[in-house]
Amino acid sequence: YQRDVLEYVRAEYRRGRTPNPCVWCNRRVKLGRLLEAARQAGIAF
């Protein structure tokens, strides 16, 4: 989350842009890394 959401938000603001953290979190973390990590931990679904 620190890398894919918070650092993304900081980088965009520093570029003079206004990011949307929720859209990026859904793609990279909630629908991405969360499911990968769960399966790697042996959680089947």
ModelCIF file with pLDDT and N, C-alpha, C, O atoms, coordinates in Angstrom:
data_MODEL
#
_entry.id   MODEL 
#
_entity.id                         1 
_entity.type                       polymer 
_entity.pdbx_number_of_molecules   1 
#
_entity_poly.entity_id                      1 
_entity_poly.type                           'polypeptide(L)' 
_entity_poly.nstd_linkage                   no 
_entity_poly.nstd_monomer                   no 
_entity_poly.pdbx_seq_one_letter_code       YQRDVLEYVRAEYRRGRTPNPCVWCNRRVKLGRLLEAARQAGIAF 
_entity_poly.pdbx_seq_one_letter_code_can   YQRDVLEYVRAEYRRGRTPNPCVWCNRRVKLGRLLEAARQAGIAF 
_entity_poly.pdbx_strand_id                 A 
#
loop_
_entity_poly_seq.entity_id 
_entity_poly_seq.num 
_entity_poly_seq.mon_id 
_entity_poly_seq.hetero 
1 1  TYR n 
1 2  GLN n 
1 3  ARG n 
1 4  ASP n 
1 5  VAL n 
1 6  LEU n 
1 7  GLU n 
1 8  TYR n 
1 9  VAL n 
1 10 ARG n 
1 11 ALA n 
1 12 GLU n 
1 13 TYR n 
1 14 ARG n 
1 15 ARG n 
1 16 GLY n 
1 17 ARG n 
1 18 THR n 
1 19 PRO n 
1 20 ASN n 
1 21 PRO n 
1 22 CYS n 
1 23 VAL n 
1 24 TRP n 
1 25 CYS n 
1 26 ASN n 
1 27 ARG n 
1 28 ARG n 
1 29 VAL n 
1 30 LYS n 
1 31 LEU n 
1 32 GLY n 
1 33 ARG n 
1 34 LEU n 
1 35 LEU n 
1 36 GLU n 
1 37 ALA n 
1 38 ALA n 
1 39 ARG n 
1 40 GLN n 
1 41 ALA n 
1 42 GLY n 
1 43 ILE n 
1 44 ALA n 
1 45 PHE n 
#
_struct_asym.id          A 
_struct_asym.entity_id   1 
#
loop_
_ma_qa_metric.id 
_ma_qa_metric.mode 
_ma_qa_metric.name 
_ma_qa_metric.software_group_id 
_ma_qa_metric.type 
1 global pLDDT . pLDDT 
2 local  pLDDT . pLDDT 
#
_ma_qa_metric_global.metric_id      1 
_ma_qa_metric_global.metric_value   95.56 
_ma_qa_metric_global.model_id       1 
_ma_qa_metric_global.ordinal_id     1 
#
loop_
_ma_qa_metric_local.label_asym_id 
_ma_qa_metric_local.label_comp_id 
_ma_qa_metric_local.label_seq_id 
_ma_qa_metric_local.metric_id 
_ma_qa_metric_local.metric_value 
_ma_qa_metric_local.model_id 
_ma_qa_metric_local.ordinal_id 
A TYR 1  2 95.00 1 1  
A GLN 2  2 95.00 1 2  
A ARG 3  2 95.00 1 3  
A ASP 4  2 95.00 1 4  
A VAL 5  2 95.00 1 5  
A LEU 6  2 94.00 1 6  
A GLU 7  2 95.00 1 7  
A TYR 8  2 95.00 1 8  
A VAL 9  2 94.00 1 9  
A ARG 10 2 93.00 1 10 
A ALA 11 2 94.00 1 11 
A GLU 12 2 95.00 1 12 
A TYR 13 2 93.00 1 13 
A ARG 14 2 92.00 1 14 
A ARG 15 2 93.00 1 15 
A GLY 16 2 94.00 1 16 
A ARG 17 2 95.00 1 17 
A THR 18 2 94.00 1 18 
A PRO 19 2 95.00 1 19 
A ASN 20 2 94.00 1 20 
A PRO 21 2 94.00 1 21 
A CYS 22 2 94.00 1 22 
A VAL 23 2 96.00 1 23 
A TRP 24 2 94.00 1 24 
A CYS 25 2 95.00 1 25 
A ASN 26 2 96.00 1 26 
A ARG 27 2 96.00 1 27 
A ARG 28 2 96.00 1 28 
A VAL 29 2 97.00 1 29 
A LYS 30 2 97.00 1 30 
A LEU 31 2 98.00 1 31 
A GLY 32 2 97.00 1 32 
A ARG 33 2 97.00 1 33 
A LEU 34 2 98.00 1 34 
A LEU 35 2 98.00 1 35 
A GLU 36 2 98.00 1 36 
A ALA 37 2 98.00 1 37 
A ALA 38 2 98.00 1 38 
A ARG 39 2 97.00 1 39 
A GLN 40 2 97.00 1 40 
A ALA 41 2 97.00 1 41 
A GLY 42 2 97.00 1 42 
A ILE 43 2 97.00 1 43 
A ALA 44 2 96.00 1 44 
A PHE 45 2 97.00 1 45 
#
loop_
_atom_site.group_PDB 
_atom_site.id 
_atom_site.type_symbol 
_atom_site.label_atom_id 
_atom_site.label_alt_id 
_atom_site.label_comp_id 
_atom_site.label_asym_id 
_atom_site.label_entity_id 
_atom_site.label_seq_id 
_atom_site.pdbx_PDB_ins_code 
_atom_site.Cartn_x 
_atom_site.Cartn_y 
_atom_site.Cartn_z 
_atom_site.occupancy 
_atom_site.B_iso_or_equiv 
_atom_site.pdbx_formal_charge 
_atom_site.auth_seq_id 
_atom_site.auth_comp_id 
_atom_site.auth_asym_id 
_atom_site.auth_atom_id 
_atom_site.pdbx_PDB_model_num 
ATOM 1   N N  . TYR A 1 1  ? 0.835   -1.199  0.000   1.00 95.00 ? 1  TYR A N  1 
ATOM 2   C CA . TYR A 1 1  ? 0.000   0.000   0.000   1.00 95.00 ? 1  TYR A CA 1 
ATOM 3   C C  . TYR A 1 1  ? 0.873   1.254   0.000   1.00 95.00 ? 1  TYR A C  1 
ATOM 4   O O  . TYR A 1 1  ? 0.574   2.239   -0.675  1.00 95.00 ? 1  TYR A O  1 
ATOM 5   N N  . GLN A 1 2  ? 1.950   1.194   0.767   1.00 95.00 ? 2  GLN A N  1 
ATOM 6   C CA . GLN A 1 2  ? 2.876   2.324   0.803   1.00 95.00 ? 2  GLN A CA 1 
ATOM 7   C C  . GLN A 1 2  ? 3.430   2.603   -0.592  1.00 95.00 ? 2  GLN A C  1 
ATOM 8   O O  . GLN A 1 2  ? 3.486   3.754   -1.025  1.00 95.00 ? 2  GLN A O  1 
ATOM 9   N N  . ARG A 1 3  ? 3.833   1.555   -1.285  1.00 95.00 ? 3  ARG A N  1 
ATOM 10  C CA . ARG A 1 3  ? 4.451   1.710   -2.611  1.00 95.00 ? 3  ARG A CA 1 
ATOM 11  C C  . ARG A 1 3  ? 3.420   2.054   -3.691  1.00 95.00 ? 3  ARG A C  1 
ATOM 12  O O  . ARG A 1 3  ? 3.626   2.985   -4.470  1.00 95.00 ? 3  ARG A O  1 
ATOM 13  N N  . ASP A 1 4  ? 2.319   1.312   -3.740  1.00 95.00 ? 4  ASP A N  1 
ATOM 14  C CA . ASP A 1 4  ? 1.399   1.418   -4.870  1.00 95.00 ? 4  ASP A CA 1 
ATOM 15  C C  . ASP A 1 4  ? 0.343   2.501   -4.719  1.00 95.00 ? 4  ASP A C  1 
ATOM 16  O O  . ASP A 1 4  ? -0.245  2.927   -5.713  1.00 95.00 ? 4  ASP A O  1 
ATOM 17  N N  . VAL A 1 5  ? 0.093   2.952   -3.503  1.00 95.00 ? 5  VAL A N  1 
ATOM 18  C CA . VAL A 1 5  ? -0.937  3.982   -3.293  1.00 95.00 ? 5  VAL A CA 1 
ATOM 19  C C  . VAL A 1 5  ? -0.321  5.262   -2.735  1.00 95.00 ? 5  VAL A C  1 
ATOM 20  O O  . VAL A 1 5  ? -0.409  6.315   -3.366  1.00 95.00 ? 5  VAL A O  1 
ATOM 21  N N  . LEU A 1 6  ? 0.301   5.183   -1.561  1.00 94.00 ? 6  LEU A N  1 
ATOM 22  C CA . LEU A 1 6  ? 0.798   6.406   -0.926  1.00 94.00 ? 6  LEU A CA 1 
ATOM 23  C C  . LEU A 1 6  ? 1.906   7.071   -1.742  1.00 94.00 ? 6  LEU A C  1 
ATOM 24  O O  . LEU A 1 6  ? 1.900   8.290   -1.912  1.00 94.00 ? 6  LEU A O  1 
ATOM 25  N N  . GLU A 1 7  ? 2.852   6.287   -2.246  1.00 95.00 ? 7  GLU A N  1 
ATOM 26  C CA . GLU A 1 7  ? 3.923   6.890   -3.050  1.00 95.00 ? 7  GLU A CA 1 
ATOM 27  C C  . GLU A 1 7  ? 3.385   7.437   -4.366  1.00 95.00 ? 7  GLU A C  1 
ATOM 28  O O  . GLU A 1 7  ? 3.855   8.463   -4.858  1.00 95.00 ? 7  GLU A O  1 
ATOM 29  N N  . TYR A 1 8  ? 2.414   6.759   -4.924  1.00 95.00 ? 8  TYR A N  1 
ATOM 30  C CA . TYR A 1 8  ? 1.745   7.263   -6.140  1.00 95.00 ? 8  TYR A CA 1 
ATOM 31  C C  . TYR A 1 8  ? 1.076   8.612   -5.871  1.00 95.00 ? 8  TYR A C  1 
ATOM 32  O O  . TYR A 1 8  ? 1.205   9.543   -6.665  1.00 95.00 ? 8  TYR A O  1 
ATOM 33  N N  . VAL A 1 9  ? 0.364   8.709   -4.751  1.00 94.00 ? 9  VAL A N  1 
ATOM 34  C CA . VAL A 1 9  ? -0.304  9.973   -4.395  1.00 94.00 ? 9  VAL A CA 1 
ATOM 35  C C  . VAL A 1 9  ? 0.734   11.078  -4.217  1.00 94.00 ? 9  VAL A C  1 
ATOM 36  O O  . VAL A 1 9  ? 0.569   12.177  -4.747  1.00 94.00 ? 9  VAL A O  1 
ATOM 37  N N  . ARG A 1 10 ? 1.790   10.794  -3.484  1.00 93.00 ? 10 ARG A N  1 
ATOM 38  C CA . ARG A 1 10 ? 2.826   11.813  -3.263  1.00 93.00 ? 10 ARG A CA 1 
ATOM 39  C C  . ARG A 1 10 ? 3.459   12.252  -4.584  1.00 93.00 ? 10 ARG A C  1 
ATOM 40  O O  . ARG A 1 10 ? 3.629   13.447  -4.826  1.00 93.00 ? 10 ARG A O  1 
ATOM 41  N N  . ALA A 1 11 ? 3.802   11.301  -5.425  1.00 94.00 ? 11 ALA A N  1 
ATOM 42  C CA . ALA A 1 11 ? 4.460   11.621  -6.693  1.00 94.00 ? 11 ALA A CA 1 
ATOM 43  C C  . ALA A 1 11 ? 3.577   12.485  -7.580  1.00 94.00 ? 11 ALA A C  1 
ATOM 44  O O  . ALA A 1 11 ? 4.061   13.421  -8.216  1.00 94.00 ? 11 ALA A O  1 
ATOM 45  N N  . GLU A 1 12 ? 2.295   12.180  -7.626  1.00 95.00 ? 12 GLU A N  1 
ATOM 46  C CA . GLU A 1 12 ? 1.387   12.963  -8.463  1.00 95.00 ? 12 GLU A CA 1 
ATOM 47  C C  . GLU A 1 12 ? 1.230   14.394  -7.947  1.00 95.00 ? 12 GLU A C  1 
ATOM 48  O O  . GLU A 1 12 ? 1.271   15.344  -8.729  1.00 95.00 ? 12 GLU A O  1 
ATOM 49  N N  . TYR A 1 13 ? 1.052   14.547  -6.648  1.00 93.00 ? 13 TYR A N  1 
ATOM 50  C CA . TYR A 1 13 ? 0.928   15.905  -6.099  1.00 93.00 ? 13 TYR A CA 1 
ATOM 51  C C  . TYR A 1 13 ? 2.202   16.710  -6.327  1.00 93.00 ? 13 TYR A C  1 
ATOM 52  O O  . TYR A 1 13 ? 2.144   17.908  -6.604  1.00 93.00 ? 13 TYR A O  1 
ATOM 53  N N  . ARG A 1 14 ? 3.336   16.059  -6.213  1.00 92.00 ? 14 ARG A N  1 
ATOM 54  C CA . ARG A 1 14 ? 4.590   16.774  -6.441  1.00 92.00 ? 14 ARG A CA 1 
ATOM 55  C C  . ARG A 1 14 ? 4.744   17.199  -7.891  1.00 92.00 ? 14 ARG A C  1 
ATOM 56  O O  . ARG A 1 14 ? 5.488   18.135  -8.183  1.00 92.00 ? 14 ARG A O  1 
ATOM 57  N N  . ARG A 1 15 ? 4.064   16.539  -8.791  1.00 93.00 ? 15 ARG A N  1 
ATOM 58  C CA . ARG A 1 15 ? 4.067   16.912  -10.215 1.00 93.00 ? 15 ARG A CA 1 
ATOM 59  C C  . ARG A 1 15 ? 3.009   17.971  -10.529 1.00 93.00 ? 15 ARG A C  1 
ATOM 60  O O  . ARG A 1 15 ? 2.847   18.366  -11.684 1.00 93.00 ? 15 ARG A O  1 
ATOM 61  N N  . GLY A 1 16 ? 2.295   18.426  -9.508  1.00 94.00 ? 16 GLY A N  1 
ATOM 62  C CA . GLY A 1 16 ? 1.248   19.414  -9.724  1.00 94.00 ? 16 GLY A CA 1 
ATOM 63  C C  . GLY A 1 16 ? -0.043  18.799  -10.231 1.00 94.00 ? 16 GLY A C  1 
ATOM 64  O O  . GLY A 1 16 ? -0.852  19.486  -10.854 1.00 94.00 ? 16 GLY A O  1 
ATOM 65  N N  . ARG A 1 17 ? -0.246  17.511  -9.972  1.00 95.00 ? 17 ARG A N  1 
ATOM 66  C CA . ARG A 1 17 ? -1.447  16.806  -10.414 1.00 95.00 ? 17 ARG A CA 1 
ATOM 67  C C  . ARG A 1 17 ? -2.254  16.355  -9.206  1.00 95.00 ? 17 ARG A C  1 
ATOM 68  O O  . ARG A 1 17 ? -1.751  16.349  -8.082  1.00 95.00 ? 17 ARG A O  1 
ATOM 69  N N  . THR A 1 18 ? -3.522  15.973  -9.443  1.00 94.00 ? 18 THR A N  1 
ATOM 70  C CA . THR A 1 18 ? -4.397  15.517  -8.359  1.00 94.00 ? 18 THR A CA 1 
ATOM 71  C C  . THR A 1 18 ? -4.795  14.068  -8.633  1.00 94.00 ? 18 THR A C  1 
ATOM 72  O O  . THR A 1 18 ? -5.625  13.820  -9.509  1.00 94.00 ? 18 THR A O  1 
ATOM 73  N N  . PRO A 1 19 ? -4.227  13.113  -7.910  1.00 95.00 ? 19 PRO A N  1 
ATOM 74  C CA . PRO A 1 19 ? -4.473  11.704  -8.206  1.00 95.00 ? 19 PRO A CA 1 
ATOM 75  C C  . PRO A 1 19 ? -5.797  11.202  -7.652  1.00 95.00 ? 19 PRO A C  1 
ATOM 76  O O  . PRO A 1 19 ? -6.458  11.881  -6.866  1.00 95.00 ? 19 PRO A O  1 
ATOM 77  N N  . ASN A 1 20 ? -6.169  10.000  -8.077  1.00 94.00 ? 20 ASN A N  1 
ATOM 78  C CA . ASN A 1 20 ? -7.334  9.324   -7.514  1.00 94.00 ? 20 ASN A CA 1 
ATOM 79  C C  . ASN A 1 20 ? -6.867  8.020   -6.882  1.00 94.00 ? 20 ASN A C  1 
ATOM 80  O O  . ASN A 1 20 ? -6.784  7.002   -7.569  1.00 94.00 ? 20 ASN A O  1 
ATOM 81  N N  . PRO A 1 21 ? -6.559  8.029   -5.587  1.00 94.00 ? 21 PRO A N  1 
ATOM 82  C CA . PRO A 1 21 ? -5.986  6.846   -4.937  1.00 94.00 ? 21 PRO A CA 1 
ATOM 83  C C  . PRO A 1 21 ? -6.912  5.640   -4.922  1.00 94.00 ? 21 PRO A C  1 
ATOM 84  O O  . PRO A 1 21 ? -6.435  4.505   -4.958  1.00 94.00 ? 21 PRO A O  1 
ATOM 85  N N  . CYS A 1 22 ? -8.233  5.856   -4.868  1.00 94.00 ? 22 CYS A N  1 
ATOM 86  C CA . CYS A 1 22 ? -9.160  4.725   -4.777  1.00 94.00 ? 22 CYS A CA 1 
ATOM 87  C C  . CYS A 1 22 ? -9.151  3.901   -6.063  1.00 94.00 ? 22 CYS A C  1 
ATOM 88  O O  . CYS A 1 22 ? -9.177  2.672   -6.006  1.00 94.00 ? 22 CYS A O  1 
ATOM 89  N N  . VAL A 1 23 ? -9.115  4.560   -7.219  1.00 96.00 ? 23 VAL A N  1 
ATOM 90  C CA . VAL A 1 23 ? -9.077  3.840   -8.491  1.00 96.00 ? 23 VAL A CA 1 
ATOM 91  C C  . VAL A 1 23 ? -7.800  3.017   -8.585  1.00 96.00 ? 23 VAL A C  1 
ATOM 92  O O  . VAL A 1 23 ? -7.826  1.853   -8.985  1.00 96.00 ? 23 VAL A O  1 
ATOM 93  N N  . TRP A 1 24 ? -6.689  3.632   -8.214  1.00 94.00 ? 24 TRP A N  1 
ATOM 94  C CA . TRP A 1 24 ? -5.399  2.950   -8.310  1.00 94.00 ? 24 TRP A CA 1 
ATOM 95  C C  . TRP A 1 24 ? -5.297  1.820   -7.292  1.00 94.00 ? 24 TRP A C  1 
ATOM 96  O O  . TRP A 1 24 ? -4.732  0.771   -7.598  1.00 94.00 ? 24 TRP A O  1 
ATOM 97  N N  . CYS A 1 25 ? -5.830  2.012   -6.095  1.00 95.00 ? 25 CYS A N  1 
ATOM 98  C CA . CYS A 1 25 ? -5.820  0.970   -5.071  1.00 95.00 ? 25 CYS A CA 1 
ATOM 99  C C  . CYS A 1 25 ? -6.618  -0.245  -5.529  1.00 95.00 ? 25 CYS A C  1 
ATOM 100 O O  . CYS A 1 25 ? -6.191  -1.380  -5.318  1.00 95.00 ? 25 CYS A O  1 
ATOM 101 N N  . ASN A 1 26 ? -7.767  -0.020  -6.149  1.00 96.00 ? 26 ASN A N  1 
ATOM 102 C CA . ASN A 1 26 ? -8.574  -1.146  -6.615  1.00 96.00 ? 26 ASN A CA 1 
ATOM 103 C C  . ASN A 1 26 ? -7.805  -1.995  -7.615  1.00 96.00 ? 26 ASN A C  1 
ATOM 104 O O  . ASN A 1 26 ? -7.819  -3.223  -7.533  1.00 96.00 ? 26 ASN A O  1 
ATOM 105 N N  . ARG A 1 27 ? -7.135  -1.345  -8.558  1.00 96.00 ? 27 ARG A N  1 
ATOM 106 C CA . ARG A 1 27 ? -6.415  -2.105  -9.577  1.00 96.00 ? 27 ARG A CA 1 
ATOM 107 C C  . ARG A 1 27 ? -5.172  -2.794  -9.014  1.00 96.00 ? 27 ARG A C  1 
ATOM 108 O O  . ARG A 1 27 ? -4.952  -3.980  -9.258  1.00 96.00 ? 27 ARG A O  1 
ATOM 109 N N  . ARG A 1 28 ? -4.372  -2.057  -8.270  1.00 96.00 ? 28 ARG A N  1 
ATOM 110 C CA . ARG A 1 28 ? -3.075  -2.577  -7.874  1.00 96.00 ? 28 ARG A CA 1 
ATOM 111 C C  . ARG A 1 28 ? -3.120  -3.404  -6.580  1.00 96.00 ? 28 ARG A C  1 
ATOM 112 O O  . ARG A 1 28 ? -2.358  -4.359  -6.428  1.00 96.00 ? 28 ARG A O  1 
ATOM 113 N N  . VAL A 1 29 ? -4.009  -3.038  -5.653  1.00 97.00 ? 29 VAL A N  1 
ATOM 114 C CA . VAL A 1 29 ? -3.970  -3.670  -4.337  1.00 97.00 ? 29 VAL A CA 1 
ATOM 115 C C  . VAL A 1 29 ? -5.183  -4.573  -4.093  1.00 97.00 ? 29 VAL A C  1 
ATOM 116 O O  . VAL A 1 29 ? -5.020  -5.785  -3.945  1.00 97.00 ? 29 VAL A O  1 
ATOM 117 N N  . LYS A 1 30 ? -6.393  -4.010  -4.049  1.00 97.00 ? 30 LYS A N  1 
ATOM 118 C CA . LYS A 1 30 ? -7.570  -4.815  -3.690  1.00 97.00 ? 30 LYS A CA 1 
ATOM 119 C C  . LYS A 1 30 ? -7.844  -5.937  -4.679  1.00 97.00 ? 30 LYS A C  1 
ATOM 120 O O  . LYS A 1 30 ? -8.124  -7.064  -4.271  1.00 97.00 ? 30 LYS A O  1 
ATOM 121 N N  . LEU A 1 31 ? -7.769  -5.648  -5.967  1.00 98.00 ? 31 LEU A N  1 
ATOM 122 C CA . LEU A 1 31 ? -8.031  -6.677  -6.979  1.00 98.00 ? 31 LEU A CA 1 
ATOM 123 C C  . LEU A 1 31 ? -6.747  -7.288  -7.503  1.00 98.00 ? 31 LEU A C  1 
ATOM 124 O O  . LEU A 1 31 ? -6.771  -8.140  -8.392  1.00 98.00 ? 31 LEU A O  1 
ATOM 125 N N  . GLY A 1 32 ? -5.621  -6.848  -6.947  1.00 97.00 ? 32 GLY A N  1 
ATOM 126 C CA . GLY A 1 32 ? -4.332  -7.334  -7.409  1.00 97.00 ? 32 GLY A CA 1 
ATOM 127 C C  . GLY A 1 32 ? -3.566  -8.032  -6.315  1.00 97.00 ? 32 GLY A C  1 
ATOM 128 O O  . GLY A 1 32 ? -3.676  -9.244  -6.130  1.00 97.00 ? 32 GLY A O  1 
ATOM 129 N N  . ARG A 1 33 ? -2.785  -7.248  -5.590  1.00 97.00 ? 33 ARG A N  1 
ATOM 130 C CA . ARG A 1 33 ? -1.863  -7.830  -4.620  1.00 97.00 ? 33 ARG A CA 1 
ATOM 131 C C  . ARG A 1 33 ? -2.574  -8.599  -3.509  1.00 97.00 ? 33 ARG A C  1 
ATOM 132 O O  . ARG A 1 33 ? -2.048  -9.611  -3.044  1.00 97.00 ? 33 ARG A O  1 
ATOM 133 N N  . LEU A 1 34 ? -3.750  -8.154  -3.068  1.00 98.00 ? 34 LEU A N  1 
ATOM 134 C CA . LEU A 1 34 ? -4.484  -8.865  -2.020  1.00 98.00 ? 34 LEU A CA 1 
ATOM 135 C C  . LEU A 1 34 ? -4.781  -10.300 -2.427  1.00 98.00 ? 34 LEU A C  1 
ATOM 136 O O  . LEU A 1 34 ? -4.562  -11.229 -1.650  1.00 98.00 ? 34 LEU A O  1 
ATOM 137 N N  . LEU A 1 35 ? -5.277  -10.479 -3.640  1.00 98.00 ? 35 LEU A N  1 
ATOM 138 C CA . LEU A 1 35 ? -5.635  -11.825 -4.094  1.00 98.00 ? 35 LEU A CA 1 
ATOM 139 C C  . LEU A 1 35 ? -4.392  -12.678 -4.330  1.00 98.00 ? 35 LEU A C  1 
ATOM 140 O O  . LEU A 1 35 ? -4.387  -13.873 -4.035  1.00 98.00 ? 35 LEU A O  1 
ATOM 141 N N  . GLU A 1 36 ? -3.342  -12.061 -4.860  1.00 98.00 ? 36 GLU A N  1 
ATOM 142 C CA . GLU A 1 36 ? -2.089  -12.793 -5.057  1.00 98.00 ? 36 GLU A CA 1 
ATOM 143 C C  . GLU A 1 36 ? -1.537  -13.281 -3.718  1.00 98.00 ? 36 GLU A C  1 
ATOM 144 O O  . GLU A 1 36 ? -1.162  -14.445 -3.578  1.00 98.00 ? 36 GLU A O  1 
ATOM 145 N N  . ALA A 1 37 ? -1.493  -12.387 -2.744  1.00 98.00 ? 37 ALA A N  1 
ATOM 146 C CA . ALA A 1 37 ? -0.939  -12.739 -1.434  1.00 98.00 ? 37 ALA A CA 1 
ATOM 147 C C  . ALA A 1 37 ? -1.791  -13.800 -0.740  1.00 98.00 ? 37 ALA A C  1 
ATOM 148 O O  . ALA A 1 37 ? -1.258  -14.692 -0.079  1.00 98.00 ? 37 ALA A O  1 
ATOM 149 N N  . ALA A 1 38 ? -3.111  -13.706 -0.888  1.00 98.00 ? 38 ALA A N  1 
ATOM 150 C CA . ALA A 1 38 ? -3.995  -14.691 -0.263  1.00 98.00 ? 38 ALA A CA 1 
ATOM 151 C C  . ALA A 1 38 ? -3.747  -16.080 -0.841  1.00 98.00 ? 38 ALA A C  1 
ATOM 152 O O  . ALA A 1 38 ? -3.655  -17.058 -0.100  1.00 98.00 ? 38 ALA A O  1 
ATOM 153 N N  . ARG A 1 39 ? -3.641  -16.163 -2.148  1.00 97.00 ? 39 ARG A N  1 
ATOM 154 C CA . ARG A 1 39 ? -3.402  -17.473 -2.774  1.00 97.00 ? 39 ARG A CA 1 
ATOM 155 C C  . ARG A 1 39 ? -2.015  -17.999 -2.434  1.00 97.00 ? 39 ARG A C  1 
ATOM 156 O O  . ARG A 1 39 ? -1.829  -19.200 -2.241  1.00 97.00 ? 39 ARG A O  1 
ATOM 157 N N  . GLN A 1 40 ? -1.042  -17.096 -2.363  1.00 97.00 ? 40 GLN A N  1 
ATOM 158 C CA . GLN A 1 40 ? 0.304   -17.528 -1.974  1.00 97.00 ? 40 GLN A CA 1 
ATOM 159 C C  . GLN A 1 40 ? 0.323   -18.081 -0.553  1.00 97.00 ? 40 GLN A C  1 
ATOM 160 O O  . GLN A 1 40 ? 1.150   -18.929 -0.217  1.00 97.00 ? 40 GLN A O  1 
ATOM 161 N N  . ALA A 1 41 ? -0.595  -17.595 0.273   1.00 97.00 ? 41 ALA A N  1 
ATOM 162 C CA . ALA A 1 41 ? -0.697  -18.067 1.652   1.00 97.00 ? 41 ALA A CA 1 
ATOM 163 C C  . ALA A 1 41 ? -1.528  -19.346 1.757   1.00 97.00 ? 41 ALA A C  1 
ATOM 164 O O  . ALA A 1 41 ? -1.759  -19.844 2.859   1.00 97.00 ? 41 ALA A O  1 
ATOM 165 N N  . GLY A 1 42 ? -1.981  -19.883 0.616   1.00 97.00 ? 42 GLY A N  1 
ATOM 166 C CA . GLY A 1 42 ? -2.739  -21.129 0.608   1.00 97.00 ? 42 GLY A CA 1 
ATOM 167 C C  . GLY A 1 42 ? -4.229  -20.968 0.811   1.00 97.00 ? 42 GLY A C  1 
ATOM 168 O O  . GLY A 1 42 ? -4.918  -21.958 1.058   1.00 97.00 ? 42 GLY A O  1 
ATOM 169 N N  . ILE A 1 43 ? -4.751  -19.762 0.717   1.00 97.00 ? 43 ILE A N  1 
ATOM 170 C CA . ILE A 1 43 ? -6.193  -19.523 0.863   1.00 97.00 ? 43 ILE A CA 1 
ATOM 171 C C  . ILE A 1 43 ? -6.845  -19.774 -0.492  1.00 97.00 ? 43 ILE A C  1 
ATOM 172 O O  . ILE A 1 43 ? -6.569  -19.065 -1.460  1.00 97.00 ? 43 ILE A O  1 
ATOM 173 N N  . ALA A 1 44 ? -7.706  -20.780 -0.558  1.00 96.00 ? 44 ALA A N  1 
ATOM 174 C CA . ALA A 1 44 ? -8.321  -21.178 -1.827  1.00 96.00 ? 44 ALA A CA 1 
ATOM 175 C C  . ALA A 1 44 ? -9.693  -20.547 -1.990  1.00 96.00 ? 44 ALA A C  1 
ATOM 176 O O  . ALA A 1 44 ? -10.495 -20.531 -1.057  1.00 96.00 ? 44 ALA A O  1 
ATOM 177 N N  . PHE A 1 45 ? -9.956  -20.029 -3.179  1.00 97.00 ? 45 PHE A N  1 
ATOM 178 C CA . PHE A 1 45 ? -11.283 -19.499 -3.509  1.00 97.00 ? 45 PHE A CA 1 
ATOM 179 C C  . PHE A 1 45 ? -11.415 -19.420 -5.026  1.00 97.00 ? 45 PHE A C  1 
ATOM 180 O O  . PHE A 1 45 ? -12.454 -19.001 -5.535  1.00 97.00 ? 45 PHE A O  1 
#
